[in-house]
Amino acid sequence: MKLYGFYRISRNCPAPLNPVFTDGEGNYYTQSINDDRRIAAFLPFVPEKNRIIIPGSSFSEDLEIGSHALFAIEYIAKGVRYGSIRQISEHIAELNASNFFLKHPFALLEFATLLEDRDLTQKAAAACADALYSIDPRLESSWISGSNLPFELRQRRDLQLDEGSSGYVHLSFSATYRALTNLTDFSRDHLSRYRSTIFREAIKEVIKNGLAFVKTDEAQEFLEIFATTARAQLRTEKYDNRLTIYSQESRGNLKLKRRDYDKFLDNISSFAMEDYVHRNAKAEDRENIFLFFFENRSRFIIFVMYMYFFTSFSSFRGFITDKPFFGYE
């Protein structure tokens, strides 16, 4: 049988593909694979032609029953990699090493399952759970309990997250949707990491050294960047200060050990927020700054995170200079 093309199982990518074969007489087939990853039979198949991918170059593969089965993935639109299970495993490892799957943890989990790679499955499952947790801890919990992961992996993940659950507390924070998305985008696109990972680093720093990294000169520089952007956005008819902040508010949380939670809050509670704004911001900007970052503890946590990004990653200064703090785009 000659390899003809690849059938899209999913309309989205990255995703596995189903190799399609032809006998040269207008008939199409898929492969039935045995436990040894060899072709056990060719099964007649009537594909939807608009779901077939035929790469530009012709295929030389001519397979028969008993041949090693072919596997394929579409990692970007019409970007196909195919070969033996070993070759596909190497392709996926290469993509994973380049952080390609940082934005696609569920695709990585699907590929790991295809490869029957238990270590990769565990890592991918953890990445999926982290991604869901960053949205809402309830999503993570529901997904773990309802997933078709092997029981021991689900149990290990539950224990990893919830061991001594009575000793964990959720630290909540809030800001406008855009303010949180700025931090998410920078973490993903510039650091190839999850926002929650950087937040946890900042929390550890606060627990260890308090707010020593919130230095006056750098804080003034950041607040000026924010104030300049806020002034420009709030001049438009679309925005109305307090109403805008509340209507666009998004929330998040991180699960911390009780002792870390208490220590973190102790170390930020002594910060005199109103006095700080009065000393470090221009009079015309004080109301906007106070409402946005200092009106309550939940928003102040986001100021702490912005300052951690600002002082820890030099490229963040250029990144944030032209980024809006209001809106959904």
C-alpha atoms as a PDB file:
ATOM      1  CA  MET A   1       0.000   0.000   0.000  1.00  0.00           C
ATOM      2  CA  LYS A   2       1.238   3.456  -0.878  1.00  0.00           C
ATOM      3  CA  LEU A   3       1.049   6.279   1.643  1.00  0.00           C
ATOM      4  CA  TYR A   4      -1.451   8.809   0.259  1.00  0.00           C
ATOM      5  CA  GLY A   5      -1.731  11.482   2.954  1.00  0.00           C
ATOM      6  CA  PHE A   6      -2.873  12.163   6.499  1.00  0.00           C
ATOM      7  CA  TYR A   7      -6.386  12.439   7.858  1.00  0.00           C
ATOM      8  CA  ARG A   8      -7.151  15.144  10.420  1.00  0.00           C
ATOM      9  CA  ILE A   9      -8.774  13.445  13.402  1.00  0.00           C
ATOM     10  CA  SER A  10      -9.187  16.862  15.028  1.00  0.00           C
ATOM     11  CA  ARG A  11      -9.841  20.150  13.278  1.00  0.00           C
ATOM     12  CA  ASN A  12      -7.368  21.818  15.633  1.00  0.00           C
ATOM     13  CA  CYS A  13      -3.641  21.379  15.987  1.00  0.00           C
ATOM     14  CA  PRO A  14      -1.336  20.248  17.413  1.00  0.00           C
ATOM     15  CA  ALA A  15      -2.960  16.834  17.172  1.00  0.00           C
ATOM     16  CA  PRO A  16      -2.287  13.287  15.964  1.00  0.00           C
ATOM     17  CA  LEU A  17      -2.998  12.417  12.339  1.00  0.00           C
ATOM     18  CA  ASN A  18      -4.221   9.177  10.833  1.00  0.00           C
ATOM     19  CA  PRO A  19      -2.067   7.980   7.892  1.00  0.00           C
ATOM     20  CA  VAL A  20      -4.142   7.155   4.803  1.00  0.00           C
ATOM     21  CA  PHE A  21      -3.015   4.614   2.198  1.00  0.00           C
ATOM     22  CA  THR A  22      -4.137   3.859  -1.337  1.00  0.00           C
ATOM     23  CA  ASP A  23      -3.966   0.825  -3.583  1.00  0.00           C
ATOM     24  CA  GLY A  24      -3.640   3.040  -6.654  1.00  0.00           C
ATOM     25  CA  GLU A  25      -7.143   2.229  -7.856  1.00  0.00           C
ATOM     26  CA  GLY A  26      -9.003   4.984  -6.035  1.00  0.00           C
ATOM     27  CA  ASN A  27      -9.500   3.008  -2.811  1.00  0.00           C
ATOM     28  CA  TYR A  28      -8.290   4.278   0.554  1.00  0.00           C
ATOM     29  CA  TYR A  29      -7.287   2.468   3.719  1.00  0.00           C
ATOM     30  CA  THR A  30      -6.140   3.021   7.272  1.00  0.00           C
ATOM     31  CA  GLN A  31      -3.827   0.756   9.201  1.00  0.00           C
ATOM     32  CA  SER A  32      -4.805  -1.585  12.037  1.00  0.00           C
ATOM     33  CA  ILE A  33      -1.902  -1.816  14.473  1.00  0.00           C
ATOM     34  CA  ASN A  34      -1.028  -4.765  16.702  1.00  0.00           C
ATOM     35  CA  ASP A  35       0.677  -4.725  20.095  1.00  0.00           C
ATOM     36  CA  ASP A  36       4.112  -4.772  18.448  1.00  0.00           C
ATOM     37  CA  ARG A  37       3.340  -1.490  16.636  1.00  0.00           C
ATOM     38  CA  ARG A  38       3.235  -3.300  13.306  1.00  0.00           C
ATOM     39  CA  ILE A  39       0.522  -3.231  10.653  1.00  0.00           C
ATOM     40  CA  ALA A  40      -1.918  -6.093  11.222  1.00  0.00           C
ATOM     41  CA  ALA A  41      -4.342  -5.164   8.435  1.00  0.00           C
ATOM     42  CA  PHE A  42      -5.452  -2.406   6.059  1.00  0.00           C
ATOM     43  CA  LEU A  43      -9.038  -1.343   6.665  1.00  0.00           C
ATOM     44  CA  PRO A  44     -11.171   0.265   3.921  1.00  0.00           C
ATOM     45  CA  PHE A  45     -11.701   3.938   4.602  1.00  0.00           C
ATOM     46  CA  VAL A  46     -13.816   6.661   2.979  1.00  0.00           C
ATOM     47  CA  PRO A  47     -12.218   9.965   4.017  1.00  0.00           C
ATOM     48  CA  GLU A  48     -13.669  13.443   3.919  1.00  0.00           C
ATOM     49  CA  LYS A  49     -11.370  14.943   1.309  1.00  0.00           C
ATOM     50  CA  ASN A  50     -11.294  18.350   2.987  1.00  0.00           C
ATOM     51  CA  ARG A  51      -9.715  16.736   6.049  1.00  0.00           C
ATOM     52  CA  ILE A  52      -6.868  15.105   4.150  1.00  0.00           C
ATOM     53  CA  ILE A  53      -3.420  16.720   4.296  1.00  0.00           C
ATOM     54  CA  ILE A  54      -1.160  15.936   1.347  1.00  0.00           C
ATOM     55  CA  PRO A  55       2.281  17.554   1.820  1.00  0.00           C
ATOM     56  CA  GLY A  56       3.965  19.027  -1.241  1.00  0.00           C
ATOM     57  CA  SER A  57       6.544  16.280  -1.703  1.00  0.00           C
ATOM     58  CA  SER A  58       5.502  12.826  -2.905  1.00  0.00           C
ATOM     59  CA  PHE A  59       5.736   9.821  -0.624  1.00  0.00           C
ATOM     60  CA  SER A  60       8.062   6.875  -1.164  1.00  0.00           C
ATOM     61  CA  GLU A  61       6.569   4.718   1.588  1.00  0.00           C
ATOM     62  CA  ASP A  62       5.152   1.420   0.325  1.00  0.00           C
ATOM     63  CA  LEU A  63       3.985  -0.643   3.289  1.00  0.00           C
ATOM     64  CA  GLU A  64       2.536  -4.091   3.724  1.00  0.00           C
ATOM     65  CA  ILE A  65       1.080  -6.201   6.503  1.00  0.00           C
ATOM     66  CA  GLY A  66       3.851  -6.787   9.024  1.00  0.00           C
ATOM     67  CA  SER A  67       5.618  -3.480   8.304  1.00  0.00           C
ATOM     68  CA  HIS A  68       6.276  -1.079  11.153  1.00  0.00           C
ATOM     69  CA  ALA A  69       3.212   1.129  11.568  1.00  0.00           C
ATOM     70  CA  LEU A  70       3.361   4.800  10.630  1.00  0.00           C
ATOM     71  CA  PHE A  71       2.486   7.535  13.115  1.00  0.00           C
ATOM     72  CA  ALA A  72       1.985  11.218  12.351  1.00  0.00           C
ATOM     73  CA  ILE A  73       1.320  14.537  14.078  1.00  0.00           C
ATOM     74  CA  GLU A  74       0.291  17.980  12.835  1.00  0.00           C
ATOM     75  CA  TYR A  75       2.181  20.363  15.105  1.00  0.00           C
ATOM     76  CA  ILE A  76       1.218  23.559  13.239  1.00  0.00           C
ATOM     77  CA  ALA A  77      -1.314  24.051  10.437  1.00  0.00           C
ATOM     78  CA  LYS A  78      -0.227  21.688   7.629  1.00  0.00           C
ATOM     79  CA  GLY A  79       3.080  21.127   9.432  1.00  0.00           C
ATOM     80  CA  VAL A  80       3.380  17.330   9.495  1.00  0.00           C
ATOM     81  CA  ARG A  81       5.935  15.017  11.018  1.00  0.00           C
ATOM     82  CA  TYR A  82       5.603  11.280  10.532  1.00  0.00           C
ATOM     83  CA  GLY A  83       7.531   8.069  10.896  1.00  0.00           C
ATOM     84  CA  SER A  84       7.931   5.118  13.225  1.00  0.00           C
ATOM     85  CA  ILE A  85       6.918   5.396  16.849  1.00  0.00           C
ATOM     86  CA  ARG A  86      10.581   5.996  17.710  1.00  0.00           C
ATOM     87  CA  GLN A  87      10.888   8.808  15.159  1.00  0.00           C
ATOM     88  CA  ILE A  88       7.663  10.442  16.361  1.00  0.00           C
ATOM     89  CA  SER A  89       8.921  10.189  19.944  1.00  0.00           C
ATOM     90  CA  GLU A  90      12.093  12.020  18.881  1.00  0.00           C
ATOM     91  CA  HIS A  91      10.065  14.695  17.060  1.00  0.00           C
ATOM     92  CA  ILE A  92       7.898  15.294  20.121  1.00  0.00           C
ATOM     93  CA  ALA A  93      10.935  15.402  22.421  1.00  0.00           C
ATOM     94  CA  GLU A  94      12.519  17.989  20.112  1.00  0.00           C
ATOM     95  CA  LEU A  95       9.371  20.151  20.134  1.00  0.00           C
ATOM     96  CA  ASN A  96       9.048  19.787  23.888  1.00  0.00           C
ATOM     97  CA  ALA A  97      12.664  20.833  24.445  1.00  0.00           C
ATOM     98  CA  SER A  98      11.953  24.039  22.489  1.00  0.00           C
ATOM     99  CA  ASN A  99       9.027  24.811  24.862  1.00  0.00           C
ATOM    100  CA  PHE A 100       6.574  24.374  21.987  1.00  0.00           C
ATOM    101  CA  PHE A 101       4.083  22.611  24.251  1.00  0.00           C
ATOM    102  CA  LEU A 102       4.082  25.330  26.897  1.00  0.00           C
ATOM    103  CA  LYS A 103       0.953  26.703  25.205  1.00  0.00           C
ATOM    104  CA  HIS A 104      -0.394  23.227  24.400  1.00  0.00           C
ATOM    105  CA  PRO A 105      -0.138  21.005  27.512  1.00  0.00           C
ATOM    106  CA  PHE A 106      -3.210  18.956  26.561  1.00  0.00           C
ATOM    107  CA  ALA A 107      -1.744  18.202  23.136  1.00  0.00           C
ATOM    108  CA  LEU A 108       1.449  17.020  24.837  1.00  0.00           C
ATOM    109  CA  LEU A 109      -0.636  14.770  27.073  1.00  0.00           C
ATOM    110  CA  GLU A 110      -2.400  13.296  24.031  1.00  0.00           C
ATOM    111  CA  PHE A 111       0.934  12.644  22.314  1.00  0.00           C
ATOM    112  CA  ALA A 112       2.423  11.137  25.488  1.00  0.00           C
ATOM    113  CA  THR A 113      -0.553   8.781  25.668  1.00  0.00           C
ATOM    114  CA  LEU A 114      -0.061   7.862  22.010  1.00  0.00           C
ATOM    115  CA  LEU A 115       3.595   7.071  22.723  1.00  0.00           C
ATOM    116  CA  GLU A 116       2.688   5.188  25.919  1.00  0.00           C
ATOM    117  CA  ASP A 117       5.441   7.196  27.620  1.00  0.00           C
ATOM    118  CA  ARG A 118       4.600   7.137  31.336  1.00  0.00           C
ATOM    119  CA  ASP A 119       7.166   9.755  32.407  1.00  0.00           C
ATOM    120  CA  LEU A 120       6.060  12.186  29.709  1.00  0.00           C
ATOM    121  CA  THR A 121       2.415  11.456  30.533  1.00  0.00           C
ATOM    122  CA  GLN A 122       3.019  12.380  34.163  1.00  0.00           C
ATOM    123  CA  LYS A 123       4.804  15.614  33.241  1.00  0.00           C
ATOM    124  CA  ALA A 124       2.138  16.537  30.699  1.00  0.00           C
ATOM    125  CA  ALA A 125      -0.650  15.787  33.178  1.00  0.00           C
ATOM    126  CA  ALA A 126       1.037  18.040  35.721  1.00  0.00           C
ATOM    127  CA  ALA A 127       1.287  20.841  33.134  1.00  0.00           C
ATOM    128  CA  CYS A 128      -2.416  20.414  32.267  1.00  0.00           C
ATOM    129  CA  ALA A 129      -3.383  20.540  35.923  1.00  0.00           C
ATOM    130  CA  ASP A 130      -1.240  23.654  36.488  1.00  0.00           C
ATOM    131  CA  ALA A 131      -2.840  25.378  33.506  1.00  0.00           C
ATOM    132  CA  LEU A 132      -6.337  24.627  34.827  1.00  0.00           C
ATOM    133  CA  TYR A 133      -5.389  25.597  38.377  1.00  0.00           C
ATOM    134  CA  SER A 134      -4.225  29.018  37.191  1.00  0.00           C
ATOM    135  CA  ILE A 135      -7.763  29.581  35.872  1.00  0.00           C
ATOM    136  CA  ASP A 136      -9.727  28.062  38.742  1.00  0.00           C
ATOM    137  CA  PRO A 137      -8.621  25.401  41.272  1.00  0.00           C
ATOM    138  CA  ARG A 138     -12.024  23.738  40.901  1.00  0.00           C
ATOM    139  CA  LEU A 139     -11.309  23.058  37.227  1.00  0.00           C
ATOM    140  CA  GLU A 140      -8.089  21.310  38.136  1.00  0.00           C
ATOM    141  CA  SER A 141      -9.735  19.166  40.782  1.00  0.00           C
ATOM    142  CA  SER A 142     -12.633  18.193  38.513  1.00  0.00           C
ATOM    143  CA  TRP A 143     -10.300  17.354  35.641  1.00  0.00           C
ATOM    144  CA  ILE A 144      -8.033  15.144  37.761  1.00  0.00           C
ATOM    145  CA  SER A 145     -10.937  13.192  39.242  1.00  0.00           C
ATOM    146  CA  GLY A 146     -12.672  12.787  35.863  1.00  0.00           C
ATOM    147  CA  SER A 147      -9.654  12.195  33.620  1.00  0.00           C
ATOM    148  CA  ASN A 148      -8.812   8.862  32.049  1.00  0.00           C
ATOM    149  CA  LEU A 149      -5.244   8.965  33.353  1.00  0.00           C
ATOM    150  CA  PRO A 150      -4.059   5.750  34.982  1.00  0.00           C
ATOM    151  CA  PHE A 151      -5.219   5.609  38.582  1.00  0.00           C
ATOM    152  CA  GLU A 152      -1.716   5.723  40.037  1.00  0.00           C
ATOM    153  CA  LEU A 153      -0.945   8.929  38.107  1.00  0.00           C
ATOM    154  CA  ARG A 154      -4.179  10.576  39.241  1.00  0.00           C
ATOM    155  CA  GLN A 155      -3.463   9.496  42.802  1.00  0.00           C
ATOM    156  CA  ARG A 156       0.122  10.754  42.649  1.00  0.00           C
ATOM    157  CA  ARG A 157      -1.027  14.105  41.273  1.00  0.00           C
ATOM    158  CA  ASP A 158      -3.690  14.426  43.978  1.00  0.00           C
ATOM    159  CA  LEU A 159      -1.140  13.683  46.672  1.00  0.00           C
ATOM    160  CA  GLN A 160       1.352  16.078  45.142  1.00  0.00           C
ATOM    161  CA  LEU A 161      -1.205  18.916  45.229  1.00  0.00           C
ATOM    162  CA  ASP A 162      -3.297  18.125  48.269  1.00  0.00           C
ATOM    163  CA  GLU A 163      -1.049  16.385  50.783  1.00  0.00           C
ATOM    164  CA  GLY A 164      -2.087  17.793  54.116  1.00  0.00           C
ATOM    165  CA  SER A 165      -4.826  19.777  52.382  1.00  0.00           C
ATOM    166  CA  SER A 166      -6.009  21.223  55.681  1.00  0.00           C
ATOM    167  CA  GLY A 167      -2.666  23.022  55.834  1.00  0.00           C
ATOM    168  CA  TYR A 168      -3.180  24.851  52.529  1.00  0.00           C
ATOM    169  CA  VAL A 169      -4.799  28.222  51.926  1.00  0.00           C
ATOM    170  CA  HIS A 170      -5.704  30.021  48.699  1.00  0.00           C
ATOM    171  CA  LEU A 171      -4.036  33.418  48.293  1.00  0.00           C
ATOM    172  CA  SER A 172      -6.367  35.555  46.158  1.00  0.00           C
ATOM    173  CA  PHE A 173      -5.364  38.483  43.973  1.00  0.00           C
ATOM    174  CA  SER A 174      -7.180  40.706  41.490  1.00  0.00           C
ATOM    175  CA  ALA A 175      -6.548  43.291  38.789  1.00  0.00           C
ATOM    176  CA  THR A 176      -7.996  44.276  35.459  1.00  0.00           C
ATOM    177  CA  TYR A 177      -8.035  41.521  32.865  1.00  0.00           C
ATOM    178  CA  ARG A 178      -5.360  43.318  30.850  1.00  0.00           C
ATOM    179  CA  ALA A 179      -3.039  43.802  33.827  1.00  0.00           C
ATOM    180  CA  LEU A 180      -3.040  40.078  34.559  1.00  0.00           C
ATOM    181  CA  THR A 181      -2.702  39.170  30.884  1.00  0.00           C
ATOM    182  CA  ASN A 182       0.412  41.347  30.584  1.00  0.00           C
ATOM    183  CA  LEU A 183       2.114  39.202  33.221  1.00  0.00           C
ATOM    184  CA  THR A 184       0.854  35.990  31.630  1.00  0.00           C
ATOM    185  CA  ASP A 185       2.095  37.004  28.166  1.00  0.00           C
ATOM    186  CA  PHE A 186       5.528  38.045  29.395  1.00  0.00           C
ATOM    187  CA  SER A 187       5.968  34.843  31.419  1.00  0.00           C
ATOM    188  CA  ARG A 188       4.995  32.669  28.466  1.00  0.00           C
ATOM    189  CA  ASP A 189       6.528  34.538  25.525  1.00  0.00           C
ATOM    190  CA  HIS A 190       9.713  35.928  27.091  1.00  0.00           C
ATOM    191  CA  LEU A 191      10.517  33.443  29.853  1.00  0.00           C
ATOM    192  CA  SER A 192       8.837  30.295  28.498  1.00  0.00           C
ATOM    193  CA  ARG A 193       7.344  29.729  31.922  1.00  0.00           C
ATOM    194  CA  TYR A 194       3.958  29.847  33.582  1.00  0.00           C
ATOM    195  CA  ARG A 195       2.843  33.029  35.315  1.00  0.00           C
ATOM    196  CA  SER A 196       2.039  31.031  38.437  1.00  0.00           C
ATOM    197  CA  THR A 197       5.660  29.826  38.614  1.00  0.00           C
ATOM    198  CA  ILE A 198       6.980  33.401  38.656  1.00  0.00           C
ATOM    199  CA  PHE A 199       4.360  34.412  41.206  1.00  0.00           C
ATOM    200  CA  ARG A 200       5.540  31.629  43.492  1.00  0.00           C
ATOM    201  CA  GLU A 201       9.132  32.831  43.126  1.00  0.00           C
ATOM    202  CA  ALA A 202       8.032  36.326  44.114  1.00  0.00           C
ATOM    203  CA  ILE A 203       6.160  34.969  47.125  1.00  0.00           C
ATOM    204  CA  LYS A 204       9.251  33.055  48.267  1.00  0.00           C
ATOM    205  CA  GLU A 205      11.303  36.242  47.934  1.00  0.00           C
ATOM    206  CA  VAL A 206       8.795  38.212  50.026  1.00  0.00           C
ATOM    207  CA  ILE A 207       8.724  35.470  52.658  1.00  0.00           C
ATOM    208  CA  LYS A 208      12.518  35.483  52.837  1.00  0.00           C
ATOM    209  CA  ASN A 209      13.378  39.171  52.475  1.00  0.00           C
ATOM    210  CA  GLY A 210      10.143  41.123  52.715  1.00  0.00           C
ATOM    211  CA  LEU A 211       9.646  43.857  50.112  1.00  0.00           C
ATOM    212  CA  ALA A 212      13.328  44.727  49.841  1.00  0.00           C
ATOM    213  CA  PHE A 213      13.108  44.517  46.023  1.00  0.00           C
ATOM    214  CA  VAL A 214      10.503  47.330  45.937  1.00  0.00           C
ATOM    215  CA  LYS A 215      13.127  50.067  45.762  1.00  0.00           C
ATOM    216  CA  THR A 216      12.035  53.696  45.548  1.00  0.00           C
ATOM    217  CA  ASP A 217      13.690  54.624  42.245  1.00  0.00           C
ATOM    218  CA  GLU A 218      12.456  51.544  40.403  1.00  0.00           C
ATOM    219  CA  ALA A 219       8.984  51.817  41.904  1.00  0.00           C
ATOM    220  CA  GLN A 220       8.771  55.442  40.764  1.00  0.00           C
ATOM    221  CA  GLU A 221       9.891  54.409  37.270  1.00  0.00           C
ATOM    222  CA  PHE A 222       7.267  51.684  37.053  1.00  0.00           C
ATOM    223  CA  LEU A 223       4.467  53.863  38.464  1.00  0.00           C
ATOM    224  CA  GLU A 224       5.305  56.545  35.906  1.00  0.00           C
ATOM    225  CA  ILE A 225       5.009  53.975  33.113  1.00  0.00           C
ATOM    226  CA  PHE A 226       1.662  52.876  34.489  1.00  0.00           C
ATOM    227  CA  ALA A 227       0.429  56.433  35.048  1.00  0.00           C
ATOM    228  CA  THR A 228       1.357  57.545  31.519  1.00  0.00           C
ATOM    229  CA  THR A 229      -0.541  54.623  30.003  1.00  0.00           C
ATOM    230  CA  ALA A 230      -3.501  55.059  32.362  1.00  0.00           C
ATOM    231  CA  ARG A 231      -3.795  58.781  31.586  1.00  0.00           C
ATOM    232  CA  ALA A 232      -3.851  58.083  27.862  1.00  0.00           C
ATOM    233  CA  GLN A 233      -6.460  55.330  28.153  1.00  0.00           C
ATOM    234  CA  LEU A 234      -8.678  57.106  30.666  1.00  0.00           C
ATOM    235  CA  ARG A 235      -8.926  60.163  28.419  1.00  0.00           C
ATOM    236  CA  THR A 236     -11.024  58.191  25.962  1.00  0.00           C
ATOM    237  CA  GLU A 237     -14.766  57.982  26.360  1.00  0.00           C
ATOM    238  CA  LYS A 238     -14.507  54.221  26.727  1.00  0.00           C
ATOM    239  CA  TYR A 239     -12.938  54.344  30.176  1.00  0.00           C
ATOM    240  CA  ASP A 240     -14.203  55.730  33.454  1.00  0.00           C
ATOM    241  CA  ASN A 241     -11.630  55.143  36.193  1.00  0.00           C
ATOM    242  CA  ARG A 242     -13.195  53.346  39.168  1.00  0.00           C
ATOM    243  CA  LEU A 243     -16.057  51.879  37.125  1.00  0.00           C
ATOM    244  CA  THR A 244     -13.598  50.627  34.526  1.00  0.00           C
ATOM    245  CA  ILE A 245     -11.343  48.991  37.090  1.00  0.00           C
ATOM    246  CA  TYR A 246     -14.199  47.121  38.718  1.00  0.00           C
ATOM    247  CA  SER A 247     -15.996  46.138  35.517  1.00  0.00           C
ATOM    248  CA  GLN A 248     -12.793  44.662  34.057  1.00  0.00           C
ATOM    249  CA  GLU A 249     -11.600  43.017  37.256  1.00  0.00           C
ATOM    250  CA  SER A 250     -10.244  39.483  36.967  1.00  0.00           C
ATOM    251  CA  ARG A 251      -9.289  37.291  39.870  1.00  0.00           C
ATOM    252  CA  GLY A 252      -6.810  34.515  40.474  1.00  0.00           C
ATOM    253  CA  ASN A 253      -5.322  32.577  43.350  1.00  0.00           C
ATOM    254  CA  LEU A 254      -2.430  30.388  44.372  1.00  0.00           C
ATOM    255  CA  LYS A 255      -2.494  27.569  46.879  1.00  0.00           C
ATOM    256  CA  LEU A 256       0.092  28.059  49.631  1.00  0.00           C
ATOM    257  CA  LYS A 257       1.024  26.253  52.786  1.00  0.00           C
ATOM    258  CA  ARG A 258      -0.573  27.967  55.752  1.00  0.00           C
ATOM    259  CA  ARG A 259       2.764  29.068  57.232  1.00  0.00           C
ATOM    260  CA  ASP A 260       3.868  30.553  53.870  1.00  0.00           C
ATOM    261  CA  TYR A 261       0.510  32.290  53.453  1.00  0.00           C
ATOM    262  CA  ASP A 262       0.737  33.844  56.919  1.00  0.00           C
ATOM    263  CA  LYS A 263       4.364  34.900  56.501  1.00  0.00           C
ATOM    264  CA  PHE A 264       3.718  36.460  53.098  1.00  0.00           C
ATOM    265  CA  LEU A 265       0.792  38.517  54.399  1.00  0.00           C
ATOM    266  CA  ASP A 266       2.755  39.556  57.486  1.00  0.00           C
ATOM    267  CA  ASN A 267       5.566  40.835  55.286  1.00  0.00           C
ATOM    268  CA  ILE A 268       3.323  42.924  53.058  1.00  0.00           C
ATOM    269  CA  SER A 269       0.896  44.146  55.740  1.00  0.00           C
ATOM    270  CA  SER A 270       3.375  46.632  57.184  1.00  0.00           C
ATOM    271  CA  PHE A 271       3.582  48.462  53.863  1.00  0.00           C
ATOM    272  CA  ALA A 272       1.999  51.906  54.253  1.00  0.00           C
ATOM    273  CA  MET A 273       0.246  51.989  50.892  1.00  0.00           C
ATOM    274  CA  GLU A 274      -1.404  55.395  51.015  1.00  0.00           C
ATOM    275  CA  ASP A 275       1.747  57.116  52.250  1.00  0.00           C
ATOM    276  CA  TYR A 276       3.773  55.333  49.596  1.00  0.00           C
ATOM    277  CA  VAL A 277       1.565  56.593  46.782  1.00  0.00           C
ATOM    278  CA  HIS A 278       1.618  60.115  48.194  1.00  0.00           C
ATOM    279  CA  ARG A 279       5.439  60.137  48.308  1.00  0.00           C
ATOM    280  CA  ASN A 280       6.137  58.415  44.988  1.00  0.00           C
ATOM    281  CA  ALA A 281       3.468  59.544  42.538  1.00  0.00           C
ATOM    282  CA  LYS A 282       2.540  62.837  40.944  1.00  0.00           C
ATOM    283  CA  ALA A 283      -0.575  64.467  42.381  1.00  0.00           C
ATOM    284  CA  GLU A 284      -2.507  64.080  39.096  1.00  0.00           C
ATOM    285  CA  ASP A 285      -1.836  60.329  39.081  1.00  0.00           C
ATOM    286  CA  ARG A 286      -2.356  59.422  42.721  1.00  0.00           C
ATOM    287  CA  GLU A 287      -6.035  58.540  42.478  1.00  0.00           C
ATOM    288  CA  ASN A 288      -5.549  56.252  39.491  1.00  0.00           C
ATOM    289  CA  ILE A 289      -2.550  54.534  41.055  1.00  0.00           C
ATOM    290  CA  PHE A 290      -4.230  54.079  44.409  1.00  0.00           C
ATOM    291  CA  LEU A 291      -7.430  52.671  42.902  1.00  0.00           C
ATOM    292  CA  PHE A 292      -5.546  50.341  40.607  1.00  0.00           C
ATOM    293  CA  PHE A 293      -2.888  48.908  42.929  1.00  0.00           C
ATOM    294  CA  PHE A 294      -3.432  49.995  46.524  1.00  0.00           C
ATOM    295  CA  GLU A 295      -7.132  50.160  47.337  1.00  0.00           C
ATOM    296  CA  ASN A 296      -7.149  46.673  48.851  1.00  0.00           C
ATOM    297  CA  ARG A 297      -4.785  43.818  49.614  1.00  0.00           C
ATOM    298  CA  SER A 298      -5.911  41.750  46.643  1.00  0.00           C
ATOM    299  CA  ARG A 299      -4.783  44.470  44.215  1.00  0.00           C
ATOM    300  CA  PHE A 300      -1.677  45.300  46.208  1.00  0.00           C
ATOM    301  CA  ILE A 301      -0.463  41.741  45.642  1.00  0.00           C
ATOM    302  CA  ILE A 302      -0.470  42.488  41.901  1.00  0.00           C
ATOM    303  CA  PHE A 303       1.617  45.612  42.500  1.00  0.00           C
ATOM    304  CA  VAL A 304       4.100  43.395  44.372  1.00  0.00           C
ATOM    305  CA  MET A 305       4.152  41.004  41.413  1.00  0.00           C
ATOM    306  CA  TYR A 306       4.668  43.812  38.909  1.00  0.00           C
ATOM    307  CA  MET A 307       7.572  45.110  40.958  1.00  0.00           C
ATOM    308  CA  TYR A 308       9.086  41.631  41.133  1.00  0.00           C
ATOM    309  CA  PHE A 309       8.889  41.310  37.338  1.00  0.00           C
ATOM    310  CA  PHE A 310      10.194  44.867  36.926  1.00  0.00           C
ATOM    311  CA  THR A 311      13.238  44.349  39.139  1.00  0.00           C
ATOM    312  CA  SER A 312      14.011  40.722  38.246  1.00  0.00           C
ATOM    313  CA  PHE A 313      13.750  40.728  34.443  1.00  0.00           C
ATOM    314  CA  SER A 314      15.387  43.615  32.601  1.00  0.00           C
ATOM    315  CA  SER A 315      13.409  42.957  29.406  1.00  0.00           C
ATOM    316  CA  PHE A 316      10.146  43.470  31.285  1.00  0.00           C
ATOM    317  CA  ARG A 317      10.764  47.240  31.385  1.00  0.00           C
ATOM    318  CA  GLY A 318      10.684  47.523  27.634  1.00  0.00           C
ATOM    319  CA  PHE A 319       7.850  45.027  27.382  1.00  0.00           C
ATOM    320  CA  ILE A 320       5.517  46.881  29.750  1.00  0.00           C
ATOM    321  CA  THR A 321       6.244  50.406  28.499  1.00  0.00           C
ATOM    322  CA  ASP A 322       3.774  50.242  25.625  1.00  0.00           C
ATOM    323  CA  LYS A 323       1.278  47.783  27.113  1.00  0.00           C
ATOM    324  CA  PRO A 324      -2.243  48.884  28.135  1.00  0.00           C
ATOM    325  CA  PHE A 325      -3.579  48.209  31.622  1.00  0.00           C
ATOM    326  CA  PHE A 326      -7.237  48.454  30.630  1.00  0.00           C
ATOM    327  CA  GLY A 327      -9.290  46.615  28.041  1.00  0.00           C
ATOM    328  CA  TYR A 328      -9.531  43.080  26.746  1.00  0.00           C
ATOM    329  CA  GLU A 329      -7.291  43.237  23.678  1.00  0.00           C
END
